[in-house]
Amino acid sequence: MLLEHNETFKKEIETFRKKADEIQHQATKDKINDLVSKLIFEVKAVDKHHNDIIRGQGLPDSMSASREKIMELRKQLDRLTRDYNKKTV
C-alpha cells in the first residue's frame, strides 16, 4: 500500500487542512497549505523511491532525505497550528 493512500496519513492531512480553514490570518493559512502540499509531494516521493527499490532500480539511502523532509514538514505544521491556536485562545 502506498503511504499516500494510508488512512492515518489521509486523516493527518485532513486535520491540517481543517486547522488551516479555521485560521483567520491569511499568511498563516497560506503557509500551512503550502507545507501540506510539500508534505504530500514528499510522501509521494517516498512511495516512488520504495517502488523503485522493489523493482531494483533504486537504493534505500535515496529515501533518507525525503523521510527527513517529511519529519521536518510535520514539525513545522504542528508548530504553526499549535502556536496559532495559543494566540487565539
N, C-alpha and C. Protein backbone atom coordinates (compact mmCIF):
# COMPACT_ATOMS: atom_id res chain seq x y z
N MET A 1 0.84 -1.19 0.00
CA MET A 1 0.00 0.00 0.00
C MET A 1 0.88 1.25 0.00
N LEU A 2 0.50 2.19 -0.79
CA LEU A 2 1.21 3.45 -0.84
C LEU A 2 0.94 4.27 0.41
N LEU A 3 1.98 4.97 0.89
CA LEU A 3 1.81 5.83 2.06
C LEU A 3 0.76 6.91 1.79
N GLU A 4 0.75 7.37 0.57
CA GLU A 4 -0.19 8.42 0.16
C GLU A 4 -1.65 8.01 0.41
N HIS A 5 -1.93 6.71 0.32
CA HIS A 5 -3.30 6.22 0.49
C HIS A 5 -3.57 5.65 1.88
N ASN A 6 -2.58 5.75 2.76
CA ASN A 6 -2.72 5.27 4.13
C ASN A 6 -3.76 6.12 4.87
N GLU A 7 -4.68 5.46 5.58
CA GLU A 7 -5.76 6.16 6.27
C GLU A 7 -5.25 7.16 7.31
N THR A 8 -4.20 6.78 8.03
CA THR A 8 -3.64 7.68 9.04
C THR A 8 -3.09 8.94 8.38
N PHE A 9 -2.41 8.77 7.27
CA PHE A 9 -1.87 9.93 6.55
C PHE A 9 -2.99 10.81 6.02
N LYS A 10 -4.01 10.20 5.46
CA LYS A 10 -5.15 10.97 4.94
C LYS A 10 -5.81 11.78 6.04
N LYS A 11 -5.97 11.17 7.23
CA LYS A 11 -6.58 11.88 8.36
C LYS A 11 -5.69 13.03 8.82
N GLU A 12 -4.39 12.80 8.82
CA GLU A 12 -3.45 13.84 9.22
C GLU A 12 -3.56 15.05 8.27
N ILE A 13 -3.60 14.79 6.99
CA ILE A 13 -3.72 15.87 6.01
C ILE A 13 -5.05 16.59 6.18
N GLU A 14 -6.11 15.84 6.38
CA GLU A 14 -7.42 16.43 6.58
C GLU A 14 -7.43 17.33 7.83
N THR A 15 -6.79 16.87 8.89
CA THR A 15 -6.72 17.64 10.13
C THR A 15 -5.97 18.96 9.91
N PHE A 16 -4.84 18.90 9.24
CA PHE A 16 -4.08 20.12 8.96
C PHE A 16 -4.89 21.09 8.10
N ARG A 17 -5.60 20.55 7.12
CA ARG A 17 -6.41 21.42 6.25
C ARG A 17 -7.56 22.07 7.02
N LYS A 18 -8.19 21.30 7.92
CA LYS A 18 -9.26 21.86 8.74
C LYS A 18 -8.74 22.96 9.65
N LYS A 19 -7.57 22.73 10.24
CA LYS A 19 -6.97 23.75 11.10
C LYS A 19 -6.65 25.00 10.30
N ALA A 20 -6.17 24.83 9.08
CA ALA A 20 -5.88 25.98 8.22
C ALA A 20 -7.16 26.75 7.91
N ASP A 21 -8.25 26.04 7.66
CA ASP A 21 -9.52 26.70 7.36
C ASP A 21 -10.03 27.53 8.53
N GLU A 22 -9.70 27.11 9.75
CA GLU A 22 -10.16 27.81 10.95
C GLU A 22 -9.36 29.08 11.25
N ILE A 23 -8.21 29.21 10.63
CA ILE A 23 -7.32 30.35 10.90
C ILE A 23 -7.74 31.54 10.06
N GLN A 24 -7.84 32.69 10.72
CA GLN A 24 -8.25 33.92 10.05
C GLN A 24 -7.08 34.62 9.35
N HIS A 25 -5.88 34.49 9.90
CA HIS A 25 -4.70 35.16 9.36
C HIS A 25 -4.29 34.50 8.04
N GLN A 26 -4.44 35.22 6.95
CA GLN A 26 -4.26 34.64 5.62
C GLN A 26 -2.84 34.14 5.37
N ALA A 27 -1.84 34.87 5.84
CA ALA A 27 -0.45 34.45 5.61
C ALA A 27 -0.17 33.12 6.31
N THR A 28 -0.70 32.96 7.52
CA THR A 28 -0.51 31.71 8.25
C THR A 28 -1.25 30.58 7.56
N LYS A 29 -2.46 30.85 7.12
CA LYS A 29 -3.26 29.86 6.40
C LYS A 29 -2.53 29.42 5.12
N ASP A 30 -1.99 30.38 4.39
CA ASP A 30 -1.26 30.07 3.16
C ASP A 30 -0.01 29.25 3.45
N LYS A 31 0.69 29.57 4.52
CA LYS A 31 1.90 28.83 4.90
C LYS A 31 1.55 27.38 5.22
N ILE A 32 0.48 27.17 5.98
CA ILE A 32 0.05 25.81 6.33
C ILE A 32 -0.32 25.03 5.08
N ASN A 33 -1.09 25.64 4.20
CA ASN A 33 -1.49 24.96 2.96
C ASN A 33 -0.28 24.63 2.08
N ASP A 34 0.70 25.53 2.05
CA ASP A 34 1.93 25.28 1.29
C ASP A 34 2.70 24.11 1.89
N LEU A 35 2.81 24.06 3.22
CA LEU A 35 3.51 22.96 3.88
C LEU A 35 2.78 21.63 3.67
N VAL A 36 1.45 21.65 3.67
CA VAL A 36 0.67 20.44 3.41
C VAL A 36 0.97 19.93 2.00
N SER A 37 1.02 20.83 1.04
CA SER A 37 1.34 20.43 -0.35
C SER A 37 2.73 19.83 -0.44
N LYS A 38 3.68 20.42 0.26
CA LYS A 38 5.04 19.89 0.26
C LYS A 38 5.09 18.53 0.94
N LEU A 39 4.33 18.36 2.01
CA LEU A 39 4.27 17.07 2.70
C LEU A 39 3.74 15.98 1.78
N ILE A 40 2.67 16.27 1.07
CA ILE A 40 2.10 15.32 0.13
C ILE A 40 3.12 14.97 -0.97
N PHE A 41 3.82 15.98 -1.47
CA PHE A 41 4.84 15.75 -2.50
C PHE A 41 5.93 14.82 -1.99
N GLU A 42 6.40 15.04 -0.76
CA GLU A 42 7.47 14.20 -0.20
C GLU A 42 6.99 12.77 0.05
N VAL A 43 5.76 12.62 0.49
CA VAL A 43 5.22 11.27 0.70
C VAL A 43 5.14 10.53 -0.64
N LYS A 44 4.72 11.23 -1.67
CA LYS A 44 4.69 10.61 -3.00
C LYS A 44 6.10 10.24 -3.45
N ALA A 45 7.09 11.07 -3.10
CA ALA A 45 8.48 10.77 -3.46
C ALA A 45 8.95 9.51 -2.76
N VAL A 46 8.59 9.34 -1.48
CA VAL A 46 8.95 8.13 -0.74
C VAL A 46 8.28 6.92 -1.39
N ASP A 47 7.01 7.05 -1.75
CA ASP A 47 6.32 5.96 -2.43
C ASP A 47 7.04 5.58 -3.73
N LYS A 48 7.46 6.58 -4.50
CA LYS A 48 8.16 6.31 -5.76
C LYS A 48 9.50 5.63 -5.49
N HIS A 49 10.25 6.14 -4.51
CA HIS A 49 11.54 5.52 -4.16
C HIS A 49 11.34 4.07 -3.74
N HIS A 50 10.31 3.85 -2.95
CA HIS A 50 10.03 2.49 -2.48
C HIS A 50 9.74 1.56 -3.67
N ASN A 51 8.93 2.01 -4.59
CA ASN A 51 8.62 1.21 -5.78
C ASN A 51 9.87 0.96 -6.63
N ASP A 52 10.73 1.98 -6.72
CA ASP A 52 11.99 1.82 -7.47
C ASP A 52 12.87 0.76 -6.82
N ILE A 53 12.94 0.76 -5.50
CA ILE A 53 13.75 -0.22 -4.77
C ILE A 53 13.21 -1.62 -5.01
N ILE A 54 11.89 -1.76 -4.96
CA ILE A 54 11.27 -3.07 -5.20
C ILE A 54 11.62 -3.59 -6.60
N ARG A 55 11.65 -2.69 -7.57
CA ARG A 55 11.97 -3.08 -8.95
C ARG A 55 13.48 -3.17 -9.18
N GLY A 56 14.28 -2.91 -8.15
CA GLY A 56 15.73 -2.99 -8.27
C GLY A 56 16.35 -1.80 -8.96
N GLN A 57 15.63 -0.70 -9.01
CA GLN A 57 16.13 0.48 -9.72
C GLN A 57 16.57 1.61 -8.79
N GLY A 58 16.54 1.39 -7.49
CA GLY A 58 16.91 2.45 -6.57
C GLY A 58 17.64 1.92 -5.37
N LEU A 59 18.19 2.83 -4.59
CA LEU A 59 18.91 2.48 -3.38
C LEU A 59 18.14 2.93 -2.15
N PRO A 60 18.16 2.14 -1.09
CA PRO A 60 17.44 2.53 0.13
C PRO A 60 17.87 3.89 0.69
N ASP A 61 19.14 4.23 0.51
CA ASP A 61 19.64 5.52 1.02
C ASP A 61 18.95 6.71 0.37
N SER A 62 18.39 6.53 -0.80
CA SER A 62 17.76 7.64 -1.52
C SER A 62 16.49 8.13 -0.83
N MET A 63 15.94 7.35 0.08
CA MET A 63 14.72 7.75 0.78
C MET A 63 15.01 8.58 2.03
N SER A 64 16.23 8.56 2.52
CA SER A 64 16.56 9.24 3.77
C SER A 64 16.24 10.73 3.72
N ALA A 65 16.60 11.39 2.64
CA ALA A 65 16.35 12.83 2.53
C ALA A 65 14.85 13.13 2.56
N SER A 66 14.07 12.34 1.85
CA SER A 66 12.62 12.56 1.83
C SER A 66 12.01 12.30 3.20
N ARG A 67 12.48 11.28 3.89
CA ARG A 67 11.97 10.98 5.23
C ARG A 67 12.27 12.13 6.19
N GLU A 68 13.48 12.66 6.09
CA GLU A 68 13.85 13.80 6.94
C GLU A 68 12.99 15.02 6.63
N LYS A 69 12.74 15.26 5.34
CA LYS A 69 11.88 16.38 4.95
C LYS A 69 10.47 16.20 5.49
N ILE A 70 9.96 14.96 5.45
CA ILE A 70 8.63 14.68 5.96
C ILE A 70 8.57 14.99 7.46
N MET A 71 9.57 14.56 8.20
CA MET A 71 9.59 14.83 9.64
C MET A 71 9.64 16.33 9.91
N GLU A 72 10.46 17.05 9.15
CA GLU A 72 10.57 18.50 9.35
C GLU A 72 9.27 19.21 8.98
N LEU A 73 8.65 18.80 7.90
CA LEU A 73 7.38 19.42 7.49
C LEU A 73 6.30 19.19 8.55
N ARG A 74 6.23 17.99 9.09
CA ARG A 74 5.25 17.70 10.15
C ARG A 74 5.50 18.56 11.38
N LYS A 75 6.77 18.71 11.75
CA LYS A 75 7.12 19.55 12.89
C LYS A 75 6.68 20.99 12.65
N GLN A 76 6.94 21.49 11.46
CA GLN A 76 6.55 22.86 11.13
C GLN A 76 5.04 23.03 11.17
N LEU A 77 4.33 22.06 10.62
CA LEU A 77 2.86 22.13 10.64
C LEU A 77 2.32 22.06 12.06
N ASP A 78 2.86 21.16 12.87
CA ASP A 78 2.44 21.07 14.26
C ASP A 78 2.71 22.39 15.00
N ARG A 79 3.90 22.93 14.79
CA ARG A 79 4.28 24.17 15.45
C ARG A 79 3.38 25.33 15.01
N LEU A 80 3.15 25.45 13.73
CA LEU A 80 2.32 26.54 13.22
C LEU A 80 0.90 26.48 13.75
N THR A 81 0.30 25.30 13.67
CA THR A 81 -1.10 25.18 14.12
C THR A 81 -1.20 25.31 15.64
N ARG A 82 -0.23 24.76 16.37
CA ARG A 82 -0.24 24.86 17.83
C ARG A 82 -0.03 26.31 18.28
N ASP A 83 0.99 26.97 17.71
CA ASP A 83 1.30 28.34 18.09
C ASP A 83 0.16 29.29 17.74
N TYR A 84 -0.46 29.08 16.59
CA TYR A 84 -1.56 29.96 16.21
C TYR A 84 -2.74 29.76 17.16
N ASN A 85 -3.02 28.53 17.52
CA ASN A 85 -4.12 28.26 18.45
C ASN A 85 -3.85 28.86 19.82
N LYS A 86 -2.61 28.90 20.27
CA LYS A 86 -2.28 29.52 21.55
C LYS A 86 -2.56 31.02 21.52
N LYS A 87 -2.29 31.64 20.38
CA LYS A 87 -2.50 33.09 20.24
C LYS A 87 -3.99 33.44 20.25
N THR A 88 -4.83 32.52 19.80
CA THR A 88 -6.25 32.85 19.67
C THR A 88 -7.07 32.43 20.88
N VAL A 89 -6.45 31.70 21.81
CA VAL A 89 -7.20 31.23 22.99
C VAL A 89 -7.27 32.32 24.02
